[in-house]
Amino acid sequence: AAQQGRATTEKKTFKRTTSISQVIQADPSVVWGLLSNAQDFPRWNSTIISLEGEIRENAKIRLTSTLDESRTFKLKVKEFLPERKLVWGDAMGERVYTLERKNGGTYFNMTEKIGGPMFPLFANKIPSFDESFEQFTAELKMEAERVAQAK
């Protein structure tokens, strides 16, 4: 089990999985509000350069992150369960956000799986997500708790 706010990565021949969990002292509705507002992401999260499109079921979004500023990922929103689960991804991978109400706050989890039959050919060119996940999660926690305090 991962420590709170620390990313863990499991590497296998054909896939890599990075996960992080964090307890956030804010209602799931506040955390969901941040995760489902594409245009607002770059304001509160320094790991995202831009996120274009609308985050809703079956929508297409375009994400540029600090991990590779030269590349814009074209992603599809695969699952959209308000205040519970958000999944987006492409043919190579999927990012899953889950929210669970816990002790007046939110238990947040983010997992990204990337891989496939061709994965071993380029796996060494994909940077580690650990630091980016930790930064993303810390900033989500900080902003959600700030918003919750202001309410």
C-alpha atoms as a PDB file:
ATOM      1  CA  ALA A   1       0.000   0.000   0.000  1.00  0.00           C
ATOM      2  CA  ALA A   2       1.244   3.459  -0.914  1.00  0.00           C
ATOM      3  CA  GLN A   3       1.972   6.067   1.715  1.00  0.00           C
ATOM      4  CA  GLN A   4      -0.289   9.105   1.744  1.00  0.00           C
ATOM      5  CA  GLY A   5       0.833  11.548  -0.920  1.00  0.00           C
ATOM      6  CA  ARG A   6       3.664   9.310  -2.199  1.00  0.00           C
ATOM      7  CA  ALA A   7       3.515   7.779  -5.657  1.00  0.00           C
ATOM      8  CA  THR A   8       4.410   4.163  -6.320  1.00  0.00           C
ATOM      9  CA  THR A   9       5.211   2.630  -9.684  1.00  0.00           C
ATOM     10  CA  GLU A  10       5.052  -1.008 -10.682  1.00  0.00           C
ATOM     11  CA  LYS A  11       6.907  -1.918 -13.869  1.00  0.00           C
ATOM     12  CA  LYS A  12       6.271  -5.025 -15.927  1.00  0.00           C
ATOM     13  CA  THR A  13       7.388  -5.971 -19.425  1.00  0.00           C
ATOM     14  CA  PHE A  14       4.257  -4.778 -21.192  1.00  0.00           C
ATOM     15  CA  LYS A  15       2.908  -2.142 -18.798  1.00  0.00           C
ATOM     16  CA  ARG A  16       3.667   0.385 -16.098  1.00  0.00           C
ATOM     17  CA  THR A  17       1.268   1.438 -13.341  1.00  0.00           C
ATOM     18  CA  THR A  18       1.718   4.534 -11.171  1.00  0.00           C
ATOM     19  CA  SER A  19      -0.610   5.236  -8.235  1.00  0.00           C
ATOM     20  CA  ILE A  20      -1.029   7.784  -5.475  1.00  0.00           C
ATOM     21  CA  SER A  21      -3.573   8.297  -2.689  1.00  0.00           C
ATOM     22  CA  GLN A  22      -4.294  11.252  -0.428  1.00  0.00           C
ATOM     23  CA  VAL A  23      -6.836  12.231   2.181  1.00  0.00           C
ATOM     24  CA  ILE A  24      -8.191  15.690   1.357  1.00  0.00           C
ATOM     25  CA  GLN A  25     -10.070  17.692   3.987  1.00  0.00           C
ATOM     26  CA  ALA A  26     -12.787  18.805   1.578  1.00  0.00           C
ATOM     27  CA  ASP A  27     -16.088  17.379   0.407  1.00  0.00           C
ATOM     28  CA  PRO A  28     -15.924  15.181  -2.736  1.00  0.00           C
ATOM     29  CA  SER A  29     -18.015  17.835  -4.528  1.00  0.00           C
ATOM     30  CA  VAL A  30     -15.157  20.341  -4.090  1.00  0.00           C
ATOM     31  CA  VAL A  31     -12.491  17.892  -5.337  1.00  0.00           C
ATOM     32  CA  TRP A  32     -14.745  16.854  -8.238  1.00  0.00           C
ATOM     33  CA  GLY A  33     -15.281  20.503  -9.149  1.00  0.00           C
ATOM     34  CA  LEU A  34     -11.531  20.914  -9.605  1.00  0.00           C
ATOM     35  CA  LEU A  35     -11.037  17.629 -11.502  1.00  0.00           C
ATOM     36  CA  SER A  36     -13.931  18.223 -13.902  1.00  0.00           C
ATOM     37  CA  ASN A  37     -13.140  21.832 -14.930  1.00  0.00           C
ATOM     38  CA  ALA A  38     -10.611  21.520 -17.771  1.00  0.00           C
ATOM     39  CA  GLN A  39      -9.963  25.233 -18.321  1.00  0.00           C
ATOM     40  CA  ASP A  40      -9.186  25.794 -14.616  1.00  0.00           C
ATOM     41  CA  PHE A  41      -6.538  23.008 -14.307  1.00  0.00           C
ATOM     42  CA  PRO A  42      -3.490  25.151 -15.216  1.00  0.00           C
ATOM     43  CA  ARG A  43      -4.475  27.756 -12.595  1.00  0.00           C
ATOM     44  CA  TRP A  44      -4.194  25.411  -9.616  1.00  0.00           C
ATOM     45  CA  ASN A  45      -1.973  22.650 -10.984  1.00  0.00           C
ATOM     46  CA  SER A  46       1.576  23.383 -12.126  1.00  0.00           C
ATOM     47  CA  THR A  47       1.974  19.937 -13.792  1.00  0.00           C
ATOM     48  CA  ILE A  48      -0.599  20.870 -16.467  1.00  0.00           C
ATOM     49  CA  ILE A  49       0.312  23.401 -19.148  1.00  0.00           C
ATOM     50  CA  SER A  50      -3.062  23.214 -20.882  1.00  0.00           C
ATOM     51  CA  LEU A  51      -6.193  21.109 -20.889  1.00  0.00           C
ATOM     52  CA  GLU A  52      -8.609  21.857 -23.713  1.00  0.00           C
ATOM     53  CA  GLY A  53     -12.114  20.541 -24.192  1.00  0.00           C
ATOM     54  CA  GLU A  54     -14.894  19.663 -21.816  1.00  0.00           C
ATOM     55  CA  ILE A  55     -14.522  16.930 -19.203  1.00  0.00           C
ATOM     56  CA  ARG A  56     -17.716  14.900 -19.621  1.00  0.00           C
ATOM     57  CA  GLU A  57     -18.634  11.344 -20.715  1.00  0.00           C
ATOM     58  CA  ASN A  58     -17.245  10.430 -24.184  1.00  0.00           C
ATOM     59  CA  ALA A  59     -15.756  13.902 -24.729  1.00  0.00           C
ATOM     60  CA  LYS A  60     -12.350  14.398 -26.306  1.00  0.00           C
ATOM     61  CA  ILE A  61      -9.777  16.515 -24.493  1.00  0.00           C
ATOM     62  CA  ARG A  62      -6.261  17.710 -25.325  1.00  0.00           C
ATOM     63  CA  LEU A  63      -3.705  17.687 -22.514  1.00  0.00           C
ATOM     64  CA  THR A  64      -0.207  19.153 -22.430  1.00  0.00           C
ATOM     65  CA  SER A  65       1.832  18.445 -19.297  1.00  0.00           C
ATOM     66  CA  THR A  66       5.208  19.503 -17.964  1.00  0.00           C
ATOM     67  CA  LEU A  67       6.477  15.904 -18.411  1.00  0.00           C
ATOM     68  CA  ASP A  68       6.688  16.487 -22.192  1.00  0.00           C
ATOM     69  CA  GLU A  69       5.813  20.046 -23.203  1.00  0.00           C
ATOM     70  CA  SER A  70       6.352  19.251 -26.900  1.00  0.00           C
ATOM     71  CA  ARG A  71       3.522  16.702 -26.956  1.00  0.00           C
ATOM     72  CA  THR A  72      -0.228  17.191 -26.687  1.00  0.00           C
ATOM     73  CA  PHE A  73      -2.104  14.064 -25.686  1.00  0.00           C
ATOM     74  CA  LYS A  74      -5.461  13.536 -27.390  1.00  0.00           C
ATOM     75  CA  LEU A  75      -7.569  11.740 -24.802  1.00  0.00           C
ATOM     76  CA  LYS A  76     -11.124  10.487 -24.471  1.00  0.00           C
ATOM     77  CA  VAL A  77     -13.162  10.740 -21.277  1.00  0.00           C
ATOM     78  CA  LYS A  78     -14.146   7.098 -20.799  1.00  0.00           C
ATOM     79  CA  GLU A  79     -16.004   7.290 -17.472  1.00  0.00           C
ATOM     80  CA  PHE A  80     -17.626  10.244 -15.748  1.00  0.00           C
ATOM     81  CA  LEU A  81     -19.357   9.434 -12.451  1.00  0.00           C
ATOM     82  CA  PRO A  82     -19.745  12.780 -10.639  1.00  0.00           C
ATOM     83  CA  GLU A  83     -18.015  12.961  -7.262  1.00  0.00           C
ATOM     84  CA  ARG A  84     -16.892   9.307  -7.584  1.00  0.00           C
ATOM     85  CA  LYS A  85     -14.867   8.375 -10.662  1.00  0.00           C
ATOM     86  CA  LEU A  86     -13.263   9.965 -13.710  1.00  0.00           C
ATOM     87  CA  VAL A  87     -11.353   8.006 -16.364  1.00  0.00           C
ATOM     88  CA  TRP A  88      -9.601   9.362 -19.431  1.00  0.00           C
ATOM     89  CA  GLY A  89      -7.073   7.883 -21.780  1.00  0.00           C
ATOM     90  CA  ASP A  90      -5.970   6.848 -25.242  1.00  0.00           C
ATOM     91  CA  ALA A  91      -4.915   3.608 -26.946  1.00  0.00           C
ATOM     92  CA  MET A  92      -1.713   3.435 -24.866  1.00  0.00           C
ATOM     93  CA  GLY A  93      -3.024   4.171 -21.411  1.00  0.00           C
ATOM     94  CA  GLU A  94      -5.629   5.271 -18.963  1.00  0.00           C
ATOM     95  CA  ARG A  95      -5.741   7.582 -15.953  1.00  0.00           C
ATOM     96  CA  VAL A  96      -8.325   6.816 -13.271  1.00  0.00           C
ATOM     97  CA  TYR A  97      -9.320   9.265 -10.541  1.00  0.00           C
ATOM     98  CA  THR A  98     -11.506   7.944  -7.718  1.00  0.00           C
ATOM     99  CA  LEU A  99     -13.080   9.866  -4.853  1.00  0.00           C
ATOM    100  CA  GLU A 100     -14.516   8.316  -1.713  1.00  0.00           C
ATOM    101  CA  ARG A 101     -16.233  10.223   1.078  1.00  0.00           C
ATOM    102  CA  LYS A 102     -14.291   9.574   4.279  1.00  0.00           C
ATOM    103  CA  ASN A 103     -14.504  11.163   7.748  1.00  0.00           C
ATOM    104  CA  GLY A 104     -15.961  14.425   6.435  1.00  0.00           C
ATOM    105  CA  GLY A 105     -13.335  14.627   3.709  1.00  0.00           C
ATOM    106  CA  THR A 106     -12.319  12.814   0.542  1.00  0.00           C
ATOM    107  CA  TYR A 107     -10.068   9.819  -0.022  1.00  0.00           C
ATOM    108  CA  PHE A 108      -8.501  10.593  -3.428  1.00  0.00           C
ATOM    109  CA  ASN A 109      -6.735   8.035  -5.607  1.00  0.00           C
ATOM    110  CA  MET A 110      -5.103   8.508  -9.004  1.00  0.00           C
ATOM    111  CA  THR A 111      -3.730   5.592 -11.046  1.00  0.00           C
ATOM    112  CA  GLU A 112      -2.268   5.614 -14.523  1.00  0.00           C
ATOM    113  CA  LYS A 113      -1.654   2.451 -16.505  1.00  0.00           C
ATOM    114  CA  ILE A 114       0.296   2.629 -19.742  1.00  0.00           C
ATOM    115  CA  GLY A 115       1.337  -0.253 -21.918  1.00  0.00           C
ATOM    116  CA  GLY A 116       0.524  -2.676 -24.686  1.00  0.00           C
ATOM    117  CA  PRO A 117       2.309  -5.090 -27.024  1.00  0.00           C
ATOM    118  CA  MET A 118       4.702  -2.386 -28.287  1.00  0.00           C
ATOM    119  CA  PHE A 119       5.399  -0.937 -24.823  1.00  0.00           C
ATOM    120  CA  PRO A 120       8.850  -2.569 -24.360  1.00  0.00           C
ATOM    121  CA  LEU A 121      10.104  -0.732 -27.472  1.00  0.00           C
ATOM    122  CA  PHE A 122       9.581   2.736 -25.998  1.00  0.00           C
ATOM    123  CA  ALA A 123       9.185   2.192 -22.236  1.00  0.00           C
ATOM    124  CA  ASN A 124      12.629   3.657 -21.509  1.00  0.00           C
ATOM    125  CA  LYS A 125      11.670   6.910 -23.293  1.00  0.00           C
ATOM    126  CA  ILE A 126       8.698   7.583 -20.966  1.00  0.00           C
ATOM    127  CA  PRO A 127       9.701   9.616 -17.919  1.00  0.00           C
ATOM    128  CA  SER A 128       8.749   8.538 -14.418  1.00  0.00           C
ATOM    129  CA  PHE A 129       5.379   9.896 -13.296  1.00  0.00           C
ATOM    130  CA  ASP A 130       6.144   9.674  -9.556  1.00  0.00           C
ATOM    131  CA  GLU A 131       7.267  13.252  -8.956  1.00  0.00           C
ATOM    132  CA  SER A 132       4.553  14.688 -11.216  1.00  0.00           C
ATOM    133  CA  PHE A 133       1.859  12.615  -9.444  1.00  0.00           C
ATOM    134  CA  GLU A 134       3.076  13.808  -6.044  1.00  0.00           C
ATOM    135  CA  GLN A 135       3.071  17.448  -7.170  1.00  0.00           C
ATOM    136  CA  PHE A 136      -0.370  17.092  -8.829  1.00  0.00           C
ATOM    137  CA  THR A 137      -1.862  15.506  -5.701  1.00  0.00           C
ATOM    138  CA  ALA A 138      -0.291  18.001  -3.280  1.00  0.00           C
ATOM    139  CA  GLU A 139      -1.637  20.907  -5.343  1.00  0.00           C
ATOM    140  CA  LEU A 140      -5.100  19.302  -5.655  1.00  0.00           C
ATOM    141  CA  LYS A 141      -5.189  18.842  -1.864  1.00  0.00           C
ATOM    142  CA  MET A 142      -4.042  22.418  -1.235  1.00  0.00           C
ATOM    143  CA  GLU A 143      -6.574  23.978  -3.639  1.00  0.00           C
ATOM    144  CA  ALA A 144      -9.506  21.775  -2.559  1.00  0.00           C
ATOM    145  CA  GLU A 145      -8.849  22.530   1.113  1.00  0.00           C
ATOM    146  CA  ARG A 146      -8.520  26.271   0.312  1.00  0.00           C
ATOM    147  CA  VAL A 147     -11.868  26.220  -1.526  1.00  0.00           C
ATOM    148  CA  ALA A 148     -13.511  24.218   1.296  1.00  0.00           C
ATOM    149  CA  GLN A 149     -12.241  26.710   3.909  1.00  0.00           C
ATOM    150  CA  ALA A 150     -13.612  29.630   1.883  1.00  0.00           C
ATOM    151  CA  LYS A 151     -17.133  28.114   1.810  1.00  0.00           C
END
